[in-house]
Amino acid sequence: MEEKGFSDIDGATILLKQHSYSQTCKEFNVICPKLSLRSLTTATCAVWVAAYAIFAYTENSMVLSAAIFCTLIGLLFFLHFVKIDQESLLVIGSLGIQMTLSFASGKESTEFIEMHRVKDVVINEAIFMQKVIYYLCILLKDPTDPKGISSIVPVFQSAKPNLDCLVEVYKSCQDILSKEKKSIDLLDVEQP
């Protein structure tokens, strides 16, 4: 297993772990920065101070109870649905590509794309908040037009790694895809 440190588009440190199972099977894990205790405490204190100010004005204790309840529900929602700790990309040449999101609460979300649907893996660019960012995406074949693209599936959306990290993942994906394409071409030649 190989580990390298990179930065995301905001300058925060992320970690790329690569695990090569074979020549046509590699896994890439991008580990995002952990939840900052300072920002969590600041947000909680701001909500509670605002609730106390409203309580002091209205003298209604329900305001304080509601603030505590809303803070706890908001934190649980954030940890379970928003904060992503790790994103992984598993590329298996003969089978497909699996993308997994691991949330801070331990919940995981997985998406699998069969290899026969994959046209290519590319690095695309976009304008985001007055700067150019790069992202890795999977181009899916159009079933009606063999040369067309039906959709684009972005990878590492939460981590948003910089270009140097994406190039490393891109090169490995292209190696696997080219080996898979060569094996398919050989099978097509052998069949009469």
N, C-alpha and C. Protein backbone atom coordinates (compact mmCIF):
# COMPACT_ATOMS: atom_id res chain seq x y z
N MET A 1 0.85 -1.18 0.00
CA MET A 1 0.00 0.00 0.00
C MET A 1 0.89 1.24 0.00
N GLU A 2 0.55 2.16 -0.86
CA GLU A 2 1.32 3.39 -1.00
C GLU A 2 0.48 4.57 -0.53
N GLU A 3 1.07 5.44 0.29
CA GLU A 3 0.37 6.61 0.79
C GLU A 3 1.12 7.87 0.38
N LYS A 4 0.36 8.87 -0.06
CA LYS A 4 0.95 10.17 -0.42
C LYS A 4 0.04 11.27 0.07
N GLY A 5 0.64 12.36 0.51
CA GLY A 5 -0.11 13.52 0.95
C GLY A 5 -0.28 14.51 -0.20
N PHE A 6 -1.46 15.05 -0.33
CA PHE A 6 -1.77 16.06 -1.34
C PHE A 6 -2.61 17.13 -0.67
N SER A 7 -3.01 18.11 -1.45
CA SER A 7 -3.93 19.12 -0.93
C SER A 7 -5.18 19.17 -1.79
N ASP A 8 -6.26 19.66 -1.19
CA ASP A 8 -7.49 19.82 -1.96
C ASP A 8 -7.52 21.23 -2.56
N ILE A 9 -8.62 21.59 -3.20
CA ILE A 9 -8.67 22.89 -3.87
C ILE A 9 -8.67 24.06 -2.89
N ASP A 10 -8.97 23.80 -1.62
CA ASP A 10 -8.95 24.85 -0.61
C ASP A 10 -7.63 24.89 0.16
N GLY A 11 -6.71 23.99 -0.15
CA GLY A 11 -5.42 23.97 0.52
C GLY A 11 -5.33 23.04 1.71
N ALA A 12 -6.42 22.38 2.08
CA ALA A 12 -6.39 21.44 3.21
C ALA A 12 -5.67 20.16 2.78
N THR A 13 -5.03 19.51 3.72
CA THR A 13 -4.27 18.31 3.44
C THR A 13 -5.21 17.10 3.33
N ILE A 14 -5.03 16.33 2.26
CA ILE A 14 -5.74 15.07 2.09
C ILE A 14 -4.70 13.99 1.85
N LEU A 15 -5.10 12.76 2.05
CA LEU A 15 -4.18 11.63 1.91
C LEU A 15 -4.72 10.69 0.84
N LEU A 16 -3.84 10.30 -0.09
CA LEU A 16 -4.20 9.34 -1.13
C LEU A 16 -3.52 8.02 -0.81
N LYS A 17 -4.33 6.98 -0.60
CA LYS A 17 -3.79 5.63 -0.37
C LYS A 17 -4.10 4.80 -1.61
N GLN A 18 -3.06 4.17 -2.17
CA GLN A 18 -3.23 3.31 -3.33
C GLN A 18 -2.90 1.88 -2.93
N HIS A 19 -3.76 0.98 -3.34
CA HIS A 19 -3.52 -0.44 -3.06
C HIS A 19 -3.68 -1.19 -4.37
N SER A 20 -2.61 -1.84 -4.80
CA SER A 20 -2.64 -2.58 -6.05
C SER A 20 -2.82 -4.06 -5.74
N TYR A 21 -3.96 -4.62 -6.17
CA TYR A 21 -4.25 -6.03 -5.93
C TYR A 21 -3.67 -6.89 -7.05
N SER A 22 -3.66 -6.36 -8.27
CA SER A 22 -3.06 -7.02 -9.42
C SER A 22 -2.81 -5.95 -10.47
N GLN A 23 -2.38 -6.35 -11.68
CA GLN A 23 -2.12 -5.38 -12.73
C GLN A 23 -3.40 -4.73 -13.22
N THR A 24 -4.52 -5.41 -13.07
CA THR A 24 -5.79 -4.86 -13.56
C THR A 24 -6.78 -4.56 -12.44
N CYS A 25 -6.28 -4.43 -11.21
CA CYS A 25 -7.17 -4.14 -10.09
C CYS A 25 -6.44 -3.24 -9.08
N LYS A 26 -6.92 -2.01 -8.96
CA LYS A 26 -6.33 -1.06 -8.02
C LYS A 26 -7.43 -0.33 -7.26
N GLU A 27 -7.10 0.03 -6.03
CA GLU A 27 -8.02 0.79 -5.20
C GLU A 27 -7.35 2.09 -4.79
N PHE A 28 -8.11 3.19 -4.87
CA PHE A 28 -7.63 4.50 -4.48
C PHE A 28 -8.54 5.04 -3.39
N ASN A 29 -7.96 5.40 -2.26
CA ASN A 29 -8.72 5.96 -1.14
C ASN A 29 -8.24 7.39 -0.91
N VAL A 30 -9.15 8.34 -0.96
CA VAL A 30 -8.83 9.72 -0.64
C VAL A 30 -9.45 10.01 0.72
N ILE A 31 -8.59 10.30 1.68
CA ILE A 31 -9.04 10.53 3.05
C ILE A 31 -9.09 12.04 3.28
N CYS A 32 -10.28 12.52 3.62
CA CYS A 32 -10.53 13.94 3.81
C CYS A 32 -10.12 14.36 5.22
N PRO A 33 -9.95 15.67 5.42
CA PRO A 33 -9.64 16.15 6.78
C PRO A 33 -10.76 15.80 7.75
N LYS A 34 -10.38 15.50 8.98
CA LYS A 34 -11.36 15.15 10.01
C LYS A 34 -12.16 16.38 10.43
N LEU A 35 -13.25 16.13 11.11
CA LEU A 35 -14.12 17.19 11.60
C LEU A 35 -13.37 18.01 12.64
N SER A 36 -13.36 19.31 12.46
CA SER A 36 -12.66 20.21 13.37
C SER A 36 -13.48 20.43 14.63
N LEU A 37 -12.90 20.11 15.78
CA LEU A 37 -13.59 20.31 17.05
C LEU A 37 -13.80 21.80 17.31
N ARG A 38 -12.87 22.62 16.84
CA ARG A 38 -12.99 24.06 17.03
C ARG A 38 -14.22 24.62 16.29
N SER A 39 -14.39 24.23 15.03
CA SER A 39 -15.54 24.74 14.27
C SER A 39 -16.86 24.20 14.83
N LEU A 40 -16.85 22.95 15.26
CA LEU A 40 -18.05 22.37 15.87
C LEU A 40 -18.43 23.10 17.15
N THR A 41 -17.45 23.38 18.00
CA THR A 41 -17.70 24.10 19.25
C THR A 41 -18.17 25.52 18.98
N THR A 42 -17.56 26.17 18.00
CA THR A 42 -17.94 27.55 17.65
C THR A 42 -19.39 27.62 17.17
N ALA A 43 -19.78 26.69 16.30
CA ALA A 43 -21.14 26.68 15.78
C ALA A 43 -22.14 26.40 16.91
N THR A 44 -21.83 25.45 17.76
CA THR A 44 -22.72 25.10 18.88
C THR A 44 -22.87 26.28 19.83
N CYS A 45 -21.76 26.91 20.17
CA CYS A 45 -21.82 28.06 21.08
C CYS A 45 -22.60 29.22 20.47
N ALA A 46 -22.43 29.45 19.17
CA ALA A 46 -23.16 30.55 18.52
C ALA A 46 -24.66 30.31 18.59
N VAL A 47 -25.09 29.07 18.34
CA VAL A 47 -26.53 28.76 18.41
C VAL A 47 -27.03 28.92 19.84
N TRP A 48 -26.28 28.46 20.81
CA TRP A 48 -26.73 28.53 22.19
C TRP A 48 -26.72 29.96 22.74
N VAL A 49 -25.74 30.78 22.32
CA VAL A 49 -25.72 32.18 22.75
C VAL A 49 -26.92 32.93 22.15
N ALA A 50 -27.21 32.66 20.88
CA ALA A 50 -28.38 33.28 20.25
C ALA A 50 -29.66 32.84 20.96
N ALA A 51 -29.74 31.56 21.30
CA ALA A 51 -30.93 31.06 22.01
C ALA A 51 -31.04 31.70 23.40
N TYR A 52 -29.91 31.87 24.07
CA TYR A 52 -29.95 32.50 25.39
C TYR A 52 -30.37 33.96 25.29
N ALA A 53 -29.94 34.64 24.23
CA ALA A 53 -30.34 36.04 24.03
C ALA A 53 -31.85 36.12 23.80
N ILE A 54 -32.36 35.21 23.00
CA ILE A 54 -33.82 35.18 22.78
C ILE A 54 -34.55 34.83 24.07
N PHE A 55 -33.98 33.88 24.84
CA PHE A 55 -34.58 33.52 26.14
C PHE A 55 -34.61 34.72 27.08
N ALA A 56 -33.51 35.49 27.13
CA ALA A 56 -33.45 36.65 28.02
C ALA A 56 -34.48 37.69 27.62
N TYR A 57 -34.75 37.79 26.34
CA TYR A 57 -35.74 38.77 25.86
C TYR A 57 -37.17 38.29 26.09
N THR A 58 -37.43 36.99 25.78
CA THR A 58 -38.81 36.48 25.86
C THR A 58 -39.13 35.80 27.19
N GLU A 59 -38.14 35.39 27.95
CA GLU A 59 -38.28 34.65 29.20
C GLU A 59 -39.09 33.37 29.01
N ASN A 60 -38.87 32.74 27.87
CA ASN A 60 -39.55 31.48 27.56
C ASN A 60 -38.48 30.37 27.51
N SER A 61 -38.55 29.43 28.45
CA SER A 61 -37.52 28.39 28.54
C SER A 61 -37.57 27.39 27.38
N MET A 62 -38.64 27.39 26.64
CA MET A 62 -38.74 26.50 25.47
C MET A 62 -37.71 26.85 24.41
N VAL A 63 -37.28 28.10 24.39
CA VAL A 63 -36.27 28.53 23.41
C VAL A 63 -34.96 27.78 23.66
N LEU A 64 -34.56 27.67 24.92
CA LEU A 64 -33.32 26.96 25.25
C LEU A 64 -33.44 25.47 24.92
N SER A 65 -34.55 24.89 25.25
CA SER A 65 -34.76 23.46 24.95
C SER A 65 -34.75 23.22 23.45
N ALA A 66 -35.40 24.10 22.71
CA ALA A 66 -35.43 23.96 21.26
C ALA A 66 -34.04 24.12 20.66
N ALA A 67 -33.24 25.02 21.21
CA ALA A 67 -31.88 25.22 20.70
C ALA A 67 -31.03 23.98 20.93
N ILE A 68 -31.13 23.39 22.09
CA ILE A 68 -30.36 22.17 22.37
C ILE A 68 -30.82 21.04 21.46
N PHE A 69 -32.12 20.89 21.33
CA PHE A 69 -32.67 19.83 20.47
C PHE A 69 -32.24 20.03 19.01
N CYS A 70 -32.37 21.25 18.52
CA CYS A 70 -31.99 21.53 17.12
C CYS A 70 -30.49 21.33 16.89
N THR A 71 -29.68 21.69 17.86
CA THR A 71 -28.24 21.50 17.73
C THR A 71 -27.90 20.01 17.64
N LEU A 72 -28.49 19.21 18.49
CA LEU A 72 -28.21 17.78 18.47
C LEU A 72 -28.70 17.13 17.17
N ILE A 73 -29.91 17.47 16.73
CA ILE A 73 -30.45 16.93 15.48
C ILE A 73 -29.58 17.38 14.30
N GLY A 74 -29.19 18.65 14.30
CA GLY A 74 -28.34 19.18 13.23
C GLY A 74 -26.99 18.47 13.17
N LEU A 75 -26.40 18.21 14.33
CA LEU A 75 -25.12 17.51 14.38
C LEU A 75 -25.25 16.08 13.86
N LEU A 76 -26.29 15.38 14.28
CA LEU A 76 -26.51 14.02 13.79
C LEU A 76 -26.73 14.01 12.28
N PHE A 77 -27.51 14.95 11.76
CA PHE A 77 -27.75 15.07 10.32
C PHE A 77 -26.44 15.33 9.59
N PHE A 78 -25.64 16.25 10.11
CA PHE A 78 -24.36 16.59 9.49
C PHE A 78 -23.43 15.39 9.42
N LEU A 79 -23.31 14.66 10.52
CA LEU A 79 -22.41 13.50 10.57
C LEU A 79 -22.90 12.35 9.70
N HIS A 80 -24.20 12.19 9.57
CA HIS A 80 -24.75 11.04 8.86
C HIS A 80 -24.95 11.28 7.37
N PHE A 81 -25.18 12.52 6.95
CA PHE A 81 -25.51 12.78 5.56
C PHE A 81 -24.56 13.75 4.84
N VAL A 82 -23.75 14.52 5.57
CA VAL A 82 -22.96 15.56 4.92
C VAL A 82 -21.46 15.30 5.01
N LYS A 83 -20.92 15.10 6.20
CA LYS A 83 -19.47 15.01 6.40
C LYS A 83 -18.94 13.67 5.91
N ILE A 84 -18.14 13.72 4.85
CA ILE A 84 -17.55 12.51 4.27
C ILE A 84 -16.10 12.42 4.72
N ASP A 85 -15.73 11.28 5.32
CA ASP A 85 -14.37 11.07 5.79
C ASP A 85 -13.46 10.50 4.71
N GLN A 86 -14.02 9.66 3.85
CA GLN A 86 -13.18 8.96 2.87
C GLN A 86 -13.98 8.66 1.62
N GLU A 87 -13.32 8.79 0.48
CA GLU A 87 -13.90 8.40 -0.80
C GLU A 87 -12.95 7.38 -1.42
N SER A 88 -13.52 6.30 -1.95
CA SER A 88 -12.65 5.30 -2.56
C SER A 88 -13.14 4.96 -3.97
N LEU A 89 -12.17 4.61 -4.79
CA LEU A 89 -12.41 4.22 -6.18
C LEU A 89 -11.70 2.89 -6.39
N LEU A 90 -12.47 1.86 -6.69
CA LEU A 90 -11.92 0.53 -6.94
C LEU A 90 -12.11 0.23 -8.42
N VAL A 91 -11.00 0.05 -9.13
CA VAL A 91 -11.06 -0.21 -10.57
C VAL A 91 -10.64 -1.66 -10.81
N ILE A 92 -11.56 -2.46 -11.32
CA ILE A 92 -11.29 -3.86 -11.66
C ILE A 92 -11.47 -3.98 -13.16
N GLY A 93 -10.37 -4.22 -13.86
CA GLY A 93 -10.36 -4.18 -15.32
C GLY A 93 -11.43 -5.01 -16.01
N SER A 94 -11.66 -6.21 -15.57
CA SER A 94 -12.61 -7.09 -16.25
C SER A 94 -14.04 -6.95 -15.75
N LEU A 95 -14.22 -6.22 -14.65
CA LEU A 95 -15.54 -6.18 -14.01
C LEU A 95 -16.18 -4.79 -14.04
N GLY A 96 -15.49 -3.80 -13.50
CA GLY A 96 -16.07 -2.46 -13.47
C GLY A 96 -15.39 -1.55 -12.48
N ILE A 97 -16.06 -0.46 -12.17
CA ILE A 97 -15.54 0.57 -11.27
C ILE A 97 -16.54 0.77 -10.14
N GLN A 98 -16.02 0.71 -8.91
CA GLN A 98 -16.87 0.91 -7.73
C GLN A 98 -16.42 2.16 -7.00
N MET A 99 -17.38 3.03 -6.68
CA MET A 99 -17.10 4.24 -5.92
C MET A 99 -17.82 4.14 -4.58
N THR A 100 -17.10 4.41 -3.50
CA THR A 100 -17.67 4.31 -2.16
C THR A 100 -17.42 5.59 -1.39
N LEU A 101 -18.46 6.09 -0.73
CA LEU A 101 -18.36 7.23 0.16
C LEU A 101 -18.51 6.73 1.59
N SER A 102 -17.60 7.11 2.47
CA SER A 102 -17.69 6.75 3.89
C SER A 102 -17.94 8.02 4.69
N PHE A 103 -19.10 8.08 5.34
CA PHE A 103 -19.48 9.26 6.10
C PHE A 103 -18.90 9.21 7.50
N ALA A 104 -18.89 10.34 8.19
CA ALA A 104 -18.32 10.43 9.54
C ALA A 104 -19.06 9.56 10.53
N SER A 105 -20.33 9.29 10.29
CA SER A 105 -21.12 8.46 11.20
C SER A 105 -20.86 6.97 11.01
N GLY A 106 -20.13 6.60 9.96
CA GLY A 106 -19.88 5.19 9.67
C GLY A 106 -20.72 4.67 8.52
N LYS A 107 -21.70 5.44 8.09
CA LYS A 107 -22.55 5.05 6.96
C LYS A 107 -21.71 5.05 5.67
N GLU A 108 -22.01 4.10 4.79
CA GLU A 108 -21.32 4.02 3.51
C GLU A 108 -22.33 4.01 2.37
N SER A 109 -21.94 4.64 1.27
CA SER A 109 -22.76 4.68 0.08
C SER A 109 -21.90 4.20 -1.08
N THR A 110 -22.38 3.20 -1.83
CA THR A 110 -21.59 2.60 -2.89
C THR A 110 -22.33 2.65 -4.22
N GLU A 111 -21.57 2.94 -5.27
CA GLU A 111 -22.11 2.94 -6.63
C GLU A 111 -21.17 2.10 -7.50
N PHE A 112 -21.74 1.22 -8.32
CA PHE A 112 -20.94 0.36 -9.18
C PHE A 112 -21.29 0.60 -10.64
N ILE A 113 -20.28 0.70 -11.48
CA ILE A 113 -20.47 0.89 -12.92
C ILE A 113 -19.79 -0.28 -13.63
N GLU A 114 -20.56 -1.03 -14.42
CA GLU A 114 -19.99 -2.16 -15.15
C GLU A 114 -19.01 -1.65 -16.21
N MET A 115 -17.97 -2.43 -16.47
CA MET A 115 -16.92 -2.01 -17.39
C MET A 115 -17.43 -1.83 -18.82
N HIS A 116 -18.44 -2.61 -19.22
CA HIS A 116 -18.95 -2.47 -20.59
C HIS A 116 -19.66 -1.14 -20.80
N ARG A 117 -20.02 -0.44 -19.71
CA ARG A 117 -20.65 0.87 -19.81
C ARG A 117 -19.64 2.02 -19.80
N VAL A 118 -18.39 1.72 -19.42
CA VAL A 118 -17.37 2.76 -19.30
C VAL A 118 -16.73 3.03 -20.65
N LYS A 119 -16.78 4.28 -21.07
CA LYS A 119 -16.12 4.68 -22.31
C LYS A 119 -14.69 5.11 -22.01
N ASP A 120 -14.51 5.94 -20.98
CA ASP A 120 -13.17 6.43 -20.63
C ASP A 120 -13.21 7.06 -19.26
N VAL A 121 -12.02 7.29 -18.70
CA VAL A 121 -11.84 8.06 -17.48
C VAL A 121 -11.00 9.27 -17.86
N VAL A 122 -11.49 10.46 -17.54
CA VAL A 122 -10.80 11.68 -17.96
C VAL A 122 -10.71 12.67 -16.80
N ILE A 123 -9.81 13.63 -16.96
CA ILE A 123 -9.74 14.76 -16.05
C ILE A 123 -10.40 15.93 -16.76
N ASN A 124 -11.41 16.49 -16.13
CA ASN A 124 -12.16 17.59 -16.71
C ASN A 124 -11.87 18.84 -15.90
N GLU A 125 -12.17 19.99 -16.47
CA GLU A 125 -11.97 21.23 -15.73
C GLU A 125 -13.29 21.99 -15.66
N ALA A 126 -13.41 22.78 -14.61
CA ALA A 126 -14.62 23.58 -14.42
C ALA A 126 -14.25 24.87 -13.72
N ILE A 127 -15.12 25.85 -13.84
CA ILE A 127 -14.92 27.11 -13.13
C ILE A 127 -15.79 27.05 -11.88
N PHE A 128 -15.14 27.24 -10.73
CA PHE A 128 -15.82 27.14 -9.44
C PHE A 128 -15.36 28.31 -8.57
N MET A 129 -16.28 29.17 -8.18
CA MET A 129 -15.96 30.30 -7.30
C MET A 129 -14.79 31.13 -7.84
N GLN A 130 -14.84 31.49 -9.09
CA GLN A 130 -13.87 32.34 -9.78
C GLN A 130 -12.48 31.73 -9.88
N LYS A 131 -12.40 30.40 -9.90
CA LYS A 131 -11.13 29.75 -10.16
C LYS A 131 -11.39 28.46 -10.93
N VAL A 132 -10.37 28.01 -11.62
CA VAL A 132 -10.48 26.79 -12.41
C VAL A 132 -10.08 25.62 -11.53
N ILE A 133 -10.97 24.62 -11.46
CA ILE A 133 -10.66 23.41 -10.71
C ILE A 133 -10.70 22.22 -11.68
N TYR A 134 -10.05 21.16 -11.29
CA TYR A 134 -10.02 19.94 -12.09
C TYR A 134 -10.68 18.83 -11.30
N TYR A 135 -11.36 17.93 -12.03
CA TYR A 135 -11.98 16.79 -11.36
C TYR A 135 -11.91 15.58 -12.28
N LEU A 136 -11.85 14.42 -11.66
CA LEU A 136 -11.80 13.16 -12.37
C LEU A 136 -13.23 12.71 -12.64
N CYS A 137 -13.49 12.24 -13.84
CA CYS A 137 -14.84 11.77 -14.13
C CYS A 137 -14.79 10.55 -15.06
N ILE A 138 -15.86 9.78 -14.97
CA ILE A 138 -16.01 8.57 -15.78
C ILE A 138 -17.04 8.88 -16.86
N LEU A 139 -16.66 8.66 -18.11
CA LEU A 139 -17.57 8.86 -19.23
C LEU A 139 -18.27 7.54 -19.51
N LEU A 140 -19.60 7.56 -19.55
CA LEU A 140 -20.38 6.36 -19.80
C LEU A 140 -20.83 6.33 -21.26
N LYS A 141 -20.76 5.14 -21.85
CA LYS A 141 -21.16 4.96 -23.25
C LYS A 141 -22.66 5.17 -23.42
N ASP A 142 -23.01 5.72 -24.56
CA ASP A 142 -24.42 5.85 -24.93
C ASP A 142 -24.84 4.53 -25.58
N PRO A 143 -25.86 3.85 -25.05
CA PRO A 143 -26.26 2.55 -25.61
C PRO A 143 -26.77 2.65 -27.04
N THR A 144 -27.29 3.80 -27.44
CA THR A 144 -27.83 3.93 -28.79
C THR A 144 -26.78 4.37 -29.80
N ASP A 145 -25.74 5.08 -29.33
CA ASP A 145 -24.67 5.57 -30.21
C ASP A 145 -23.33 5.12 -29.64
N PRO A 146 -22.63 4.16 -30.28
CA PRO A 146 -21.39 3.63 -29.73
C PRO A 146 -20.28 4.68 -29.56
N LYS A 147 -20.32 5.74 -30.34
CA LYS A 147 -19.30 6.79 -30.23
C LYS A 147 -19.72 7.91 -29.29
N GLY A 148 -20.97 7.88 -28.83
CA GLY A 148 -21.49 8.93 -27.98
C GLY A 148 -21.29 8.67 -26.50
N ILE A 149 -21.58 9.70 -25.72
CA ILE A 149 -21.47 9.63 -24.27
C ILE A 149 -22.86 9.88 -23.68
N SER A 150 -23.32 8.95 -22.85
CA SER A 150 -24.66 9.12 -22.26
C SER A 150 -24.63 9.99 -21.02
N SER A 151 -23.59 9.86 -20.19
CA SER A 151 -23.50 10.69 -18.99
C SER A 151 -22.06 10.73 -18.47
N ILE A 152 -21.86 11.65 -17.55
CA ILE A 152 -20.55 11.85 -16.92
C ILE A 152 -20.73 11.65 -15.43
N VAL A 153 -19.90 10.79 -14.84
CA VAL A 153 -19.98 10.52 -13.40
C VAL A 153 -18.72 11.09 -12.73
N PRO A 154 -18.85 12.16 -11.96
CA PRO A 154 -17.67 12.72 -11.29
C PRO A 154 -17.23 11.84 -10.12
N VAL A 155 -15.92 11.83 -9.89
CA VAL A 155 -15.32 11.03 -8.82
C VAL A 155 -14.65 11.99 -7.83
N PHE A 156 -14.60 11.62 -6.57
CA PHE A 156 -13.98 12.41 -5.50
C PHE A 156 -14.61 13.80 -5.40
N GLN A 157 -15.94 13.86 -5.39
CA GLN A 157 -16.64 15.13 -5.34
C GLN A 157 -16.48 15.85 -4.01
N SER A 158 -16.40 15.11 -2.94
CA SER A 158 -16.30 15.73 -1.62
C SER A 158 -14.88 16.17 -1.31
N ALA A 159 -13.90 15.34 -1.63
CA ALA A 159 -12.51 15.64 -1.30
C ALA A 159 -11.95 16.76 -2.17
N LYS A 160 -12.37 16.83 -3.41
CA LYS A 160 -11.90 17.83 -4.38
C LYS A 160 -10.37 17.95 -4.39
N PRO A 161 -9.67 16.84 -4.74
CA PRO A 161 -8.21 16.90 -4.75
C PRO A 161 -7.67 17.79 -5.86
N ASN A 162 -6.45 18.29 -5.66
CA ASN A 162 -5.77 19.09 -6.67
C ASN A 162 -5.37 18.24 -7.87
N LEU A 163 -4.90 18.90 -8.91
CA LEU A 163 -4.58 18.24 -10.17
C LEU A 163 -3.50 17.17 -10.01
N ASP A 164 -2.48 17.41 -9.20
CA ASP A 164 -1.40 16.43 -9.06
C ASP A 164 -1.89 15.08 -8.53
N CYS A 165 -2.84 15.10 -7.62
CA CYS A 165 -3.44 13.87 -7.10
C CYS A 165 -4.28 13.19 -8.18
N LEU A 166 -5.06 13.99 -8.90
CA LEU A 166 -5.92 13.44 -9.95
C LEU A 166 -5.11 12.80 -11.07
N VAL A 167 -3.98 13.39 -11.42
CA VAL A 167 -3.13 12.84 -12.49
C VAL A 167 -2.62 11.46 -12.10
N GLU A 168 -2.26 11.29 -10.85
CA GLU A 168 -1.77 10.00 -10.39
C GLU A 168 -2.86 8.92 -10.50
N VAL A 169 -4.07 9.25 -10.08
CA VAL A 169 -5.18 8.30 -10.18
C VAL A 169 -5.52 8.05 -11.65
N TYR A 170 -5.53 9.11 -12.44
CA TYR A 170 -5.85 9.03 -13.87
C TYR A 170 -4.91 8.08 -14.61
N LYS A 171 -3.61 8.21 -14.37
CA LYS A 171 -2.63 7.36 -15.06
C LYS A 171 -2.84 5.88 -14.73
N SER A 172 -3.12 5.60 -13.48
CA SER A 172 -3.36 4.20 -13.09
C SER A 172 -4.64 3.67 -13.72
N CYS A 173 -5.67 4.49 -13.75
CA CYS A 173 -6.93 4.07 -14.38
C CYS A 173 -6.74 3.82 -15.87
N GLN A 174 -5.98 4.69 -16.52
CA GLN A 174 -5.73 4.52 -17.95
C GLN A 174 -4.92 3.25 -18.24
N ASP A 175 -3.98 2.92 -17.35
CA ASP A 175 -3.23 1.67 -17.51
C ASP A 175 -4.17 0.47 -17.47
N ILE A 176 -5.06 0.46 -16.52
CA ILE A 176 -6.01 -0.65 -16.38
C ILE A 176 -6.97 -0.70 -17.56
N LEU A 177 -7.50 0.46 -17.96
CA LEU A 177 -8.44 0.50 -19.09
C LEU A 177 -7.77 0.08 -20.39
N SER A 178 -6.52 0.47 -20.60
CA SER A 178 -5.83 0.08 -21.84
C SER A 178 -5.56 -1.42 -21.87
N LYS A 179 -5.23 -2.00 -20.73
CA LYS A 179 -5.03 -3.46 -20.67
C LYS A 179 -6.34 -4.19 -20.94
N GLU A 180 -7.44 -3.67 -20.41
CA GLU A 180 -8.74 -4.28 -20.64
C GLU A 180 -9.14 -4.15 -22.11
N LYS A 181 -8.86 -3.01 -22.72
CA LYS A 181 -9.20 -2.80 -24.13
C LYS A 181 -8.39 -3.75 -25.02
N LYS A 182 -7.11 -3.95 -24.68
CA LYS A 182 -6.26 -4.87 -25.45
C LYS A 182 -6.79 -6.30 -25.35
N SER A 183 -7.23 -6.70 -24.16
CA SER A 183 -7.73 -8.07 -24.00
C SER A 183 -9.05 -8.25 -24.76
N ILE A 184 -9.90 -7.22 -24.79
CA ILE A 184 -11.15 -7.31 -25.55
C ILE A 184 -10.85 -7.36 -27.05
N ASP A 185 -9.88 -6.56 -27.50
CA ASP A 185 -9.51 -6.57 -28.92
C ASP A 185 -8.95 -7.93 -29.33
N LEU A 186 -8.17 -8.57 -28.45
CA LEU A 186 -7.63 -9.90 -28.75
C LEU A 186 -8.75 -10.93 -28.85
N LEU A 187 -9.76 -10.81 -27.98
CA LEU A 187 -10.89 -11.74 -28.05
C LEU A 187 -11.68 -11.54 -29.34
N ASP A 188 -11.84 -10.30 -29.78
CA ASP A 188 -12.56 -10.02 -31.02
C ASP A 188 -11.82 -10.57 -32.24
N VAL A 189 -10.50 -10.53 -32.22
CA VAL A 189 -9.69 -11.02 -33.33
C VAL A 189 -9.76 -12.55 -33.41
N GLU A 190 -9.76 -13.21 -32.24
CA GLU A 190 -9.75 -14.68 -32.21
C GLU A 190 -11.08 -15.27 -32.65
N GLN A 191 -12.18 -14.57 -32.44
CA GLN A 191 -13.48 -15.10 -32.84
C GLN A 191 -13.72 -14.87 -34.33
N PRO A 192 -14.14 -15.92 -35.08
CA PRO A 192 -14.36 -15.74 -36.53
C PRO A 192 -15.63 -15.00 -36.83
